[in-house]
Amino acid sequence: MNAFSTLSFETAPAVRIARERYGSERSSTAAPRRCEMGGGVHVGPAFAFGPGLGSGVEGESADRSDMSLRAAALLLLTTLALAAGCDDEPETPTVIEAPEPPRAAIDIDDPSACASCHATVVEEWRTSMHAHAHHDEDPLYGAMRRFRMEREGPELASGCAQCHGPRDPSDPDSPASRVGVGCAACHGLASVDRGEGSRMGARALTYSQSGAMRGPHDVPASAPAPHGVGDAAPWITDGRTLCLVCHDAVSNPQGVANCTTGAEHAQAGADQSCTSCHMPQVEGASGAVSSRATHRSHAFMGPHHLWREGEQGTAFMASAVSATPSLTGTSLAVTLRNRTQHAMPSGFPGRMVVVRAIGFDEAGAEVWRSFREDPMTEDPDAVLNKVYVDAEGAPTMPPYATEIARDNRLRPDEARQLTWTVPSSVTRAEIQLIFRLLPPSAARALGLSEDPVAQPRPLLAVTVTR
């Protein structure tokens, strides 16, 4: 009994440690193992017993104890060897396999599952274009996608989904893709690698296989979360790396630049990150698990909020540009300044800002306006936009252009003055900045003329009097 007790005392810690560390003593069966019962007995690298094993008792009783120990050891090891399938093949070290990291206990691709802990940011996200990135949720993207697929083939769909459904771009209609750019799309990453900058969208992203979620703050592994956690993700904390995976620069097959926000930001030598403006710090904790007084808004404010968020969207967009008017004699002028760190407007290449001026007399009656029908023909300097043309010089959609015929947008921090000659009867003038997500010609081509996204929205208005 003493011998077995001693043997048990000697071997149990190694078994217990293996169980605690790995969950079980699983061994690789890639190659047969051999048991040698001579000078030493080996059952993998964790157990080794040789002739010197003893009980520590002196004299004859020690010898008997030693013999009992050896007999017990040989009996136990023979049993272990048989259980391990030992044979006469050359010895191969035992490999104890570490289990995969524990899987998340929630569906990280379902933002509703995140809301119990992060309710504030989930509700903000629901108002964002990230939440409406799927082609069934954004009429403009959906129409443009259909337009291109008819001309380029169905394989285009997975290319678009690299950014519009990054969690499952191979199946743009899967549940994960239908979420759009959800919580896991940004927080479930293990790494971001754009190579030399050529990889865009999901091609640059590696997601955690265990469903671990990381953000801008270090979270200790001991945190009681229903998913893995970790250190702050550097591609999130710098406020731009992850954003530029999709919002950097894209050229069409002819090499003509389409979306160029990241390049504009870089050329401007911008000192602020993407999140500085589009994810500003707002009052309150991000949810039940946070004790911080503020958090970064997950509404991802941008031009679409002129259509979705009313006054809040208008206030955000109005902060992107200033307009300072003057009225002297028959000269009406306005100085526009781009207050963003990219072009104004930026992003989707069809976006445009139209500046319209209206003059009123002393009685308040309208007596003049800068254009009536088509600003591109009546007052082209007052249209901030890009125009794409094909090989024949005809206007075309950006993906099929061979040249940019015009880029009249405001550059970062640019100040530009527009001037009109008005009747002397004008005593008050109103200058309006109007935002369009796409020009009327493109809306007609995409079948969106009657859709709300094709209608103009007021961006900013200023008034000047004599």
Protein backbone atom coordinates (compact mmCIF):
# COMPACT_ATOMS: atom_id res chain seq x y z
CA MET A 1 0.00 0.00 0.00
CA ASN A 2 2.89 2.34 0.87
CA ALA A 3 4.53 1.63 -2.46
CA PHE A 4 1.39 2.43 -4.38
CA SER A 5 0.86 5.52 -2.25
CA THR A 6 4.39 6.71 -3.00
CA LEU A 7 4.02 6.03 -6.72
CA SER A 8 0.70 7.81 -6.77
CA PHE A 9 2.27 10.78 -4.98
CA GLU A 10 5.10 10.94 -7.53
CA THR A 11 2.99 10.73 -10.70
CA ALA A 12 -0.26 12.44 -9.79
CA PRO A 13 1.00 16.05 -10.01
CA ALA A 14 2.11 15.64 -13.63
CA VAL A 15 -1.23 14.10 -14.57
CA ARG A 16 -3.13 16.78 -12.69
CA ILE A 17 -1.13 19.59 -14.32
CA ALA A 18 -1.71 18.08 -17.75
CA ARG A 19 -5.44 17.84 -17.05
CA GLU A 20 -5.62 21.40 -15.78
CA ARG A 21 -3.59 22.80 -18.66
CA TYR A 22 -4.91 20.81 -21.57
CA GLY A 23 -8.22 19.33 -20.43
CA SER A 24 -7.09 15.71 -20.92
CA GLU A 25 -3.97 13.65 -21.61
CA ARG A 26 -4.65 13.37 -25.35
CA SER A 27 -1.70 11.94 -27.23
CA SER A 28 -0.77 12.11 -30.86
CA THR A 29 -1.19 8.86 -32.72
CA ALA A 30 0.66 10.09 -35.78
CA ALA A 31 3.32 7.38 -35.27
CA PRO A 32 3.49 4.25 -33.05
CA ARG A 33 5.44 4.49 -29.80
CA ARG A 34 7.76 2.00 -28.14
CA CYS A 35 7.95 1.05 -24.44
CA GLU A 36 11.35 -0.02 -23.08
CA MET A 37 11.29 -1.96 -19.82
CA GLY A 38 15.05 -2.13 -19.26
CA GLY A 39 17.11 0.66 -17.75
CA GLY A 40 14.15 3.02 -17.88
CA VAL A 41 10.49 2.97 -18.78
CA HIS A 42 9.08 5.82 -20.86
CA VAL A 43 5.45 6.64 -21.32
CA GLY A 44 5.86 9.83 -23.26
CA PRO A 45 8.10 12.63 -22.01
CA ALA A 46 6.05 13.33 -18.89
CA PHE A 47 6.77 10.03 -17.10
CA ALA A 48 10.21 8.41 -16.53
CA PHE A 49 11.01 5.74 -13.95
CA GLY A 50 14.40 4.07 -13.53
CA PRO A 51 16.19 1.69 -11.16
CA GLY A 52 16.85 4.40 -8.59
CA LEU A 53 13.20 4.91 -7.59
CA GLY A 54 12.81 4.16 -3.86
CA SER A 55 10.72 4.79 -0.79
CA GLY A 56 13.37 6.61 1.21
CA VAL A 57 13.34 3.96 4.06
CA GLU A 58 16.74 2.73 5.30
CA GLY A 59 17.94 -0.87 5.70
CA GLU A 60 16.18 -4.10 4.86
CA SER A 61 12.74 -2.52 5.07
CA ALA A 62 13.99 0.06 2.62
CA ASP A 63 15.09 -2.70 0.24
CA ARG A 64 11.69 -4.35 0.53
CA SER A 65 9.98 -1.03 0.03
CA ASP A 66 12.23 -0.39 -2.93
CA MET A 67 11.36 -3.76 -4.45
CA SER A 68 7.69 -3.17 -3.78
CA LEU A 69 7.93 0.22 -5.41
CA ARG A 70 9.63 -1.24 -8.47
CA ALA A 71 7.07 -3.97 -8.78
CA ALA A 72 4.23 -1.53 -8.41
CA ALA A 73 5.81 0.86 -10.88
CA LEU A 74 6.34 -1.91 -13.45
CA LEU A 75 2.79 -3.12 -13.01
CA LEU A 76 1.31 0.36 -13.40
CA LEU A 77 3.57 1.28 -16.30
CA THR A 78 2.83 -1.96 -18.12
CA THR A 79 -0.86 -1.11 -17.81
CA LEU A 80 -0.23 2.43 -19.04
CA ALA A 81 1.91 1.19 -21.90
CA LEU A 82 -0.74 -1.23 -23.06
CA ALA A 83 -3.36 1.48 -22.83
CA ALA A 84 -1.13 3.76 -24.88
CA GLY A 85 -0.77 1.13 -27.58
CA CYS A 86 3.01 0.63 -27.26
CA ASP A 87 4.71 -1.68 -29.76
CA ASP A 88 8.14 -2.30 -31.12
CA GLU A 89 8.30 0.67 -33.49
CA PRO A 90 10.92 3.44 -32.95
CA GLU A 91 10.03 5.80 -30.16
CA THR A 92 8.19 9.03 -31.02
CA PRO A 93 7.69 11.72 -28.33
CA THR A 94 4.14 12.12 -27.10
CA VAL A 95 2.44 15.35 -28.21
CA ILE A 96 -0.17 16.72 -25.85
CA GLU A 97 -2.52 18.82 -27.95
CA ALA A 98 -3.71 22.17 -26.62
CA PRO A 99 -7.44 22.65 -27.22
CA GLU A 100 -8.79 25.45 -29.36
CA PRO A 101 -9.64 28.69 -27.50
CA PRO A 102 -13.14 28.64 -26.06
CA ARG A 103 -15.78 29.78 -28.50
CA ALA A 104 -17.91 32.86 -27.86
CA ALA A 105 -21.07 32.06 -25.93
CA ILE A 106 -23.10 34.51 -28.05
CA ASP A 107 -23.61 35.04 -31.76
CA ILE A 108 -21.17 37.87 -32.36
CA ASP A 109 -22.72 38.47 -35.78
CA ASP A 110 -26.01 39.43 -34.16
CA PRO A 111 -25.80 43.00 -32.79
CA SER A 112 -28.89 42.31 -30.67
CA ALA A 113 -26.80 39.81 -28.71
CA CYS A 114 -24.33 42.61 -27.95
CA ALA A 115 -26.97 45.07 -26.77
CA SER A 116 -27.39 43.69 -23.24
CA CYS A 117 -23.87 44.88 -22.43
CA HIS A 118 -23.33 47.61 -25.06
CA ALA A 119 -26.84 49.02 -25.59
CA THR A 120 -25.87 52.64 -26.24
CA VAL A 121 -23.44 51.98 -29.05
CA VAL A 122 -25.67 49.32 -30.61
CA GLU A 123 -28.55 51.81 -30.81
CA GLU A 124 -26.22 54.42 -32.33
CA TRP A 125 -24.98 51.87 -34.84
CA ARG A 126 -28.54 51.10 -35.96
CA THR A 127 -28.81 54.67 -37.33
CA SER A 128 -25.55 54.36 -39.27
CA MET A 129 -24.87 53.42 -42.87
CA HIS A 130 -22.77 50.55 -41.49
CA ALA A 131 -26.04 49.03 -40.30
CA HIS A 132 -27.57 49.65 -43.74
CA ALA A 133 -24.59 48.54 -45.82
CA HIS A 134 -26.36 45.51 -47.34
CA HIS A 135 -27.75 45.98 -50.85
CA ASP A 136 -31.30 45.43 -49.61
CA GLU A 137 -30.91 48.19 -47.02
CA ASP A 138 -29.33 50.98 -49.11
CA PRO A 139 -31.29 51.84 -52.27
CA LEU A 140 -28.38 53.65 -53.88
CA TYR A 141 -25.87 50.86 -53.32
CA GLY A 142 -28.44 48.23 -54.29
CA ALA A 143 -29.25 50.01 -57.57
CA MET A 144 -25.61 50.59 -58.43
CA ARG A 145 -24.82 46.95 -57.66
CA ARG A 146 -27.60 45.71 -59.95
CA PHE A 147 -26.56 48.15 -62.68
CA ARG A 148 -23.02 46.84 -62.63
CA MET A 149 -23.91 43.17 -62.29
CA GLU A 150 -26.04 43.42 -65.44
CA ARG A 151 -22.97 44.65 -67.30
CA GLU A 152 -20.14 42.84 -65.55
CA GLY A 153 -21.68 39.59 -64.35
CA PRO A 154 -22.80 38.10 -61.01
CA GLU A 155 -19.23 37.61 -59.79
CA LEU A 156 -19.18 41.33 -59.00
CA ALA A 157 -21.36 40.65 -55.95
CA SER A 158 -18.63 39.10 -53.79
CA GLY A 159 -16.30 41.96 -54.69
CA CYS A 160 -18.78 44.55 -53.42
CA ALA A 161 -19.40 42.47 -50.31
CA GLN A 162 -15.73 42.75 -49.33
CA CYS A 163 -16.74 46.04 -47.71
CA HIS A 164 -20.54 45.87 -47.61
CA GLY A 165 -20.62 42.43 -45.92
CA PRO A 166 -17.08 41.72 -44.75
CA ARG A 167 -17.97 38.89 -42.37
CA ASP A 168 -19.07 36.66 -45.26
CA PRO A 169 -18.26 38.23 -48.64
CA SER A 170 -18.51 34.88 -50.42
CA ASP A 171 -22.25 34.85 -49.71
CA PRO A 172 -23.69 38.40 -49.82
CA ASP A 173 -27.11 37.13 -48.71
CA SER A 174 -26.02 35.09 -45.69
CA PRO A 175 -27.17 36.19 -42.22
CA ALA A 176 -23.68 37.54 -41.42
CA SER A 177 -23.58 39.58 -44.64
CA ARG A 178 -27.08 40.93 -44.14
CA VAL A 179 -25.93 42.55 -40.89
CA GLY A 180 -23.77 44.84 -43.03
CA VAL A 181 -20.80 46.21 -41.13
CA GLY A 182 -21.78 44.98 -37.68
CA CYS A 183 -20.03 44.72 -34.32
CA ALA A 184 -17.91 41.70 -35.25
CA ALA A 185 -16.81 43.25 -38.55
CA CYS A 186 -14.60 45.69 -36.64
CA HIS A 187 -14.23 44.22 -33.15
CA GLY A 188 -13.82 40.54 -34.04
CA LEU A 189 -10.50 40.99 -35.81
CA ALA A 190 -7.25 39.18 -35.05
CA SER A 191 -5.19 41.30 -37.48
CA VAL A 192 -5.30 43.82 -40.32
CA ASP A 193 -2.80 43.47 -43.15
CA ARG A 194 -3.17 45.54 -46.30
CA GLY A 195 0.15 44.39 -47.72
CA GLU A 196 1.49 47.30 -49.77
CA GLY A 197 -1.89 48.99 -49.55
CA SER A 198 -3.42 47.03 -52.42
CA ARG A 199 -5.63 44.77 -50.29
CA MET A 200 -9.02 46.25 -49.55
CA GLY A 201 -12.03 45.12 -47.56
CA ALA A 202 -12.21 41.61 -46.13
CA ARG A 203 -9.10 40.59 -48.10
CA ALA A 204 -7.08 42.64 -45.61
CA LEU A 205 -8.83 41.27 -42.52
CA THR A 206 -8.22 38.17 -40.41
CA TYR A 207 -10.93 37.37 -37.90
CA SER A 208 -10.51 35.64 -34.55
CA GLN A 209 -11.42 31.97 -34.85
CA SER A 210 -12.72 31.89 -31.28
CA GLY A 211 -14.96 34.93 -31.59
CA ALA A 212 -12.81 37.15 -29.37
CA MET A 213 -13.81 40.82 -29.47
CA ARG A 214 -11.40 43.73 -29.01
CA GLY A 215 -11.81 47.48 -28.90
CA PRO A 216 -9.84 50.64 -28.08
CA HIS A 217 -9.23 49.68 -24.44
CA ASP A 218 -7.27 46.87 -22.78
CA VAL A 219 -9.58 44.27 -21.24
CA PRO A 220 -8.03 41.66 -18.91
CA ALA A 221 -8.55 38.02 -19.80
CA SER A 222 -10.29 37.52 -16.45
CA ALA A 223 -13.15 39.85 -17.44
CA PRO A 224 -16.49 37.98 -17.23
CA ALA A 225 -17.40 38.42 -20.89
CA PRO A 226 -19.43 35.95 -23.02
CA HIS A 227 -16.63 36.11 -25.59
CA GLY A 228 -12.86 36.35 -25.60
CA VAL A 229 -11.26 39.73 -24.90
CA GLY A 230 -7.76 41.15 -25.13
CA ASP A 231 -5.51 44.15 -25.42
CA ALA A 232 -6.57 47.27 -27.28
CA ALA A 233 -6.46 46.69 -31.04
CA PRO A 234 -3.94 49.10 -32.63
CA TRP A 235 -5.90 49.21 -35.88
CA ILE A 236 -8.78 50.67 -33.87
CA THR A 237 -6.90 52.92 -31.48
CA ASP A 238 -5.13 54.90 -34.22
CA GLY A 239 -8.52 55.96 -35.60
CA ARG A 240 -7.72 55.37 -39.26
CA THR A 241 -6.14 52.01 -40.16
CA LEU A 242 -9.36 50.00 -39.99
CA CYS A 243 -11.43 52.80 -41.59
CA LEU A 244 -9.11 53.00 -44.59
CA VAL A 245 -9.47 49.28 -45.29
CA CYS A 246 -12.70 50.30 -47.07
CA HIS A 247 -12.56 54.10 -47.28
CA ASP A 248 -9.10 54.62 -48.73
CA ALA A 249 -8.97 54.78 -52.53
CA VAL A 250 -10.49 52.71 -55.33
CA SER A 251 -9.78 52.90 -59.05
CA ASN A 252 -11.83 51.40 -61.87
CA PRO A 253 -10.42 48.79 -64.30
CA GLN A 254 -9.23 51.61 -66.56
CA GLY A 255 -7.12 53.01 -63.73
CA VAL A 256 -9.34 56.05 -63.16
CA ALA A 257 -9.69 57.00 -59.49
CA ASN A 258 -13.22 56.68 -58.15
CA CYS A 259 -13.36 56.86 -54.34
CA THR A 260 -10.32 58.73 -53.00
CA THR A 261 -11.06 59.77 -49.40
CA GLY A 262 -7.96 58.13 -47.90
CA ALA A 263 -5.65 59.59 -50.53
CA GLU A 264 -7.16 63.05 -50.00
CA HIS A 265 -6.65 62.73 -46.26
CA ALA A 266 -3.02 61.64 -46.71
CA GLN A 267 -2.18 64.39 -49.21
CA ALA A 268 -3.63 66.98 -46.87
CA GLY A 269 -1.14 65.96 -44.17
CA ALA A 270 -4.14 65.66 -41.89
CA ASP A 271 -3.45 65.83 -38.16
CA GLN A 272 -6.78 64.29 -37.19
CA SER A 273 -7.93 60.73 -37.63
CA CYS A 274 -11.12 59.50 -39.30
CA THR A 275 -12.74 58.86 -35.92
CA SER A 276 -11.98 62.38 -34.71
CA CYS A 277 -14.92 63.63 -36.78
CA HIS A 278 -17.01 60.61 -37.67
CA MET A 279 -16.89 59.02 -34.19
CA PRO A 280 -16.76 62.00 -31.84
CA GLN A 281 -16.67 61.62 -28.08
CA VAL A 282 -20.20 61.91 -26.68
CA GLU A 283 -21.57 61.96 -23.16
CA GLY A 284 -22.42 58.76 -21.34
CA ALA A 285 -21.14 55.21 -21.08
CA SER A 286 -21.22 52.90 -24.07
CA GLY A 287 -23.37 50.40 -22.19
CA ALA A 288 -23.87 48.51 -18.96
CA VAL A 289 -20.33 47.13 -18.83
CA SER A 290 -18.63 50.53 -19.06
CA SER A 291 -18.06 53.04 -16.28
CA ARG A 292 -16.50 55.70 -18.50
CA ALA A 293 -18.15 59.12 -18.64
CA THR A 294 -17.92 59.35 -22.43
CA HIS A 295 -17.64 57.08 -25.44
CA ARG A 296 -17.09 57.42 -29.17
CA SER A 297 -20.35 57.62 -31.06
CA HIS A 298 -21.11 54.60 -33.24
CA ALA A 299 -23.56 56.52 -35.45
CA PHE A 300 -20.68 57.02 -37.93
CA MET A 301 -22.04 60.40 -39.01
CA GLY A 302 -21.82 61.27 -42.70
CA PRO A 303 -23.80 62.59 -45.69
CA HIS A 304 -26.52 59.94 -45.45
CA HIS A 305 -27.54 61.38 -42.09
CA LEU A 306 -29.02 64.36 -43.97
CA TRP A 307 -31.66 61.85 -45.07
CA ARG A 308 -31.80 59.70 -41.94
CA GLU A 309 -31.25 61.90 -38.90
CA GLY A 310 -32.87 65.28 -39.63
CA GLU A 311 -31.45 68.12 -37.55
CA GLN A 312 -28.64 66.05 -36.07
CA GLY A 313 -27.45 65.04 -39.52
CA THR A 314 -27.74 68.59 -40.84
CA ALA A 315 -25.77 69.99 -37.91
CA PHE A 316 -22.96 67.49 -38.45
CA MET A 317 -22.75 68.10 -42.18
CA ALA A 318 -23.02 71.87 -41.78
CA SER A 319 -19.93 71.75 -39.59
CA ALA A 320 -17.95 70.47 -42.58
CA VAL A 321 -18.00 73.76 -44.48
CA SER A 322 -18.37 77.44 -43.66
CA ALA A 323 -19.96 80.12 -45.87
CA THR A 324 -19.27 83.82 -45.39
CA PRO A 325 -21.42 86.11 -47.64
CA SER A 326 -21.11 89.75 -48.67
CA LEU A 327 -23.38 92.11 -50.66
CA THR A 328 -21.92 95.32 -52.03
CA GLY A 329 -23.54 97.30 -54.84
CA THR A 330 -24.41 94.78 -57.51
CA SER A 331 -21.89 92.21 -56.31
CA LEU A 332 -22.96 89.26 -54.22
CA ALA A 333 -20.20 86.93 -53.01
CA VAL A 334 -19.70 84.03 -50.67
CA THR A 335 -16.45 82.55 -49.40
CA LEU A 336 -16.62 78.81 -48.84
CA ARG A 337 -14.09 77.04 -46.64
CA ASN A 338 -13.71 73.30 -46.42
CA ARG A 339 -13.31 72.44 -42.75
CA THR A 340 -12.74 68.74 -43.29
CA GLN A 341 -9.44 66.95 -43.87
CA HIS A 342 -10.52 65.47 -47.18
CA ALA A 343 -12.25 66.90 -50.24
CA MET A 344 -15.77 68.32 -49.95
CA PRO A 345 -17.72 66.29 -50.94
CA SER A 346 -15.80 63.01 -50.67
CA GLY A 347 -16.56 59.29 -50.76
CA PHE A 348 -18.93 57.96 -53.44
CA PRO A 349 -17.86 59.81 -56.61
CA GLY A 350 -21.41 60.85 -57.57
CA ARG A 351 -21.84 63.14 -54.56
CA MET A 352 -22.20 66.84 -55.24
CA VAL A 353 -22.82 70.13 -53.43
CA VAL A 354 -24.71 72.85 -55.31
CA VAL A 355 -24.47 76.49 -54.20
CA ARG A 356 -27.61 78.47 -54.99
CA ALA A 357 -28.11 82.21 -54.40
CA ILE A 358 -31.48 84.00 -54.29
CA GLY A 359 -31.99 87.80 -54.15
CA PHE A 360 -34.95 89.61 -52.55
CA ASP A 361 -36.06 93.24 -52.71
CA GLU A 362 -37.16 95.44 -49.82
CA ALA A 363 -40.68 94.02 -49.96
CA GLY A 364 -39.33 90.47 -49.61
CA ALA A 365 -40.15 89.45 -53.16
CA GLU A 366 -37.71 87.26 -55.06
CA VAL A 367 -36.14 89.27 -57.89
CA TRP A 368 -33.13 87.12 -58.83
CA ARG A 369 -31.59 83.68 -58.47
CA SER A 370 -28.30 82.23 -59.65
CA PHE A 371 -29.88 79.40 -61.68
CA ARG A 372 -33.35 78.15 -62.50
CA GLU A 373 -33.09 74.66 -63.95
CA ASP A 374 -29.67 73.11 -64.48
CA PRO A 375 -26.77 74.50 -62.42
CA MET A 376 -24.21 72.63 -64.54
CA THR A 377 -25.16 74.71 -67.58
CA GLU A 378 -26.33 77.92 -65.88
CA ASP A 379 -23.75 78.25 -63.07
CA PRO A 380 -21.14 75.46 -63.26
CA ASP A 381 -18.67 77.17 -60.87
CA ALA A 382 -21.26 76.78 -58.11
CA VAL A 383 -21.34 72.98 -58.44
CA LEU A 384 -18.80 71.09 -56.35
CA ASN A 385 -18.51 67.72 -58.06
CA LYS A 386 -16.60 65.34 -60.30
CA VAL A 387 -17.54 64.49 -63.88
CA TYR A 388 -16.46 61.20 -65.48
CA VAL A 389 -16.34 60.64 -69.25
CA ASP A 390 -15.79 57.68 -71.55
CA ALA A 391 -13.35 57.38 -74.46
CA GLU A 392 -15.66 59.51 -76.65
CA GLY A 393 -15.85 62.24 -74.03
CA ALA A 394 -19.45 61.52 -73.06
CA PRO A 395 -20.44 61.57 -69.38
CA THR A 396 -20.56 58.07 -67.90
CA MET A 397 -20.70 56.20 -64.61
CA PRO A 398 -17.37 56.24 -62.72
CA PRO A 399 -16.71 52.46 -63.06
CA TYR A 400 -16.67 52.81 -66.86
CA ALA A 401 -14.83 56.12 -67.22
CA THR A 402 -11.55 56.56 -69.02
CA GLU A 403 -10.99 60.05 -67.66
CA ILE A 404 -12.09 62.56 -65.02
CA ALA A 405 -13.17 65.57 -67.06
CA ARG A 406 -13.81 67.79 -64.05
CA ASP A 407 -13.07 67.88 -60.33
CA ASN A 408 -14.46 71.08 -58.85
CA ARG A 409 -14.66 69.93 -55.25
CA LEU A 410 -13.17 71.91 -52.39
CA ARG A 411 -9.77 70.65 -51.34
CA PRO A 412 -9.01 70.17 -47.63
CA ASP A 413 -8.95 73.56 -45.89
CA GLU A 414 -9.46 75.33 -49.21
CA ALA A 415 -11.18 78.73 -49.21
CA ARG A 416 -12.91 79.67 -52.46
CA GLN A 417 -14.99 82.70 -53.37
CA LEU A 418 -18.00 82.59 -55.65
CA THR A 419 -19.27 85.90 -57.07
CA TRP A 420 -22.48 86.90 -58.86
CA THR A 421 -23.75 90.14 -60.35
CA VAL A 422 -27.22 90.94 -58.98
CA PRO A 423 -29.80 93.66 -59.68
CA SER A 424 -29.46 96.81 -57.61
CA SER A 425 -32.93 96.12 -56.21
CA VAL A 426 -31.57 93.17 -54.23
CA THR A 427 -31.37 94.23 -50.58
CA ARG A 428 -31.17 90.76 -49.05
CA ALA A 429 -29.71 87.55 -50.38
CA GLU A 430 -29.85 83.97 -49.18
CA ILE A 431 -27.11 81.53 -50.14
CA GLN A 432 -27.96 77.85 -49.85
CA LEU A 433 -25.68 74.82 -49.99
CA ILE A 434 -27.59 71.77 -51.25
CA PHE A 435 -26.27 68.20 -51.02
CA ARG A 436 -26.99 65.42 -53.50
CA LEU A 437 -25.86 61.81 -53.15
CA LEU A 438 -25.80 61.50 -56.94
CA PRO A 439 -26.58 63.76 -59.93
CA PRO A 440 -30.05 63.62 -61.52
CA SER A 441 -28.68 61.95 -64.67
CA ALA A 442 -27.25 59.08 -62.62
CA ALA A 443 -30.49 58.78 -60.65
CA ARG A 444 -32.38 58.32 -63.92
CA ALA A 445 -29.91 55.71 -65.17
CA LEU A 446 -30.25 53.75 -61.91
CA GLY A 447 -34.04 54.02 -61.78
CA LEU A 448 -33.93 56.11 -58.60
CA SER A 449 -35.44 59.41 -59.77
CA GLU A 450 -38.41 59.07 -57.40
CA ASP A 451 -36.49 57.54 -54.51
CA PRO A 452 -35.83 59.77 -51.48
CA VAL A 453 -32.07 59.16 -51.74
CA ALA A 454 -32.09 60.93 -55.12
CA GLN A 455 -33.72 64.07 -53.75
CA PRO A 456 -31.62 67.10 -52.71
CA ARG A 457 -31.20 67.98 -49.04
CA PRO A 458 -30.30 71.38 -47.51
CA LEU A 459 -26.81 71.42 -46.07
CA LEU A 460 -26.28 75.02 -44.98
CA ALA A 461 -27.89 78.43 -45.54
CA VAL A 462 -26.61 81.95 -44.79
CA THR A 463 -28.24 85.36 -45.31
CA VAL A 464 -26.69 88.74 -46.05
CA THR A 465 -28.28 92.21 -46.26
CA ARG A 466 -27.04 95.58 -47.47
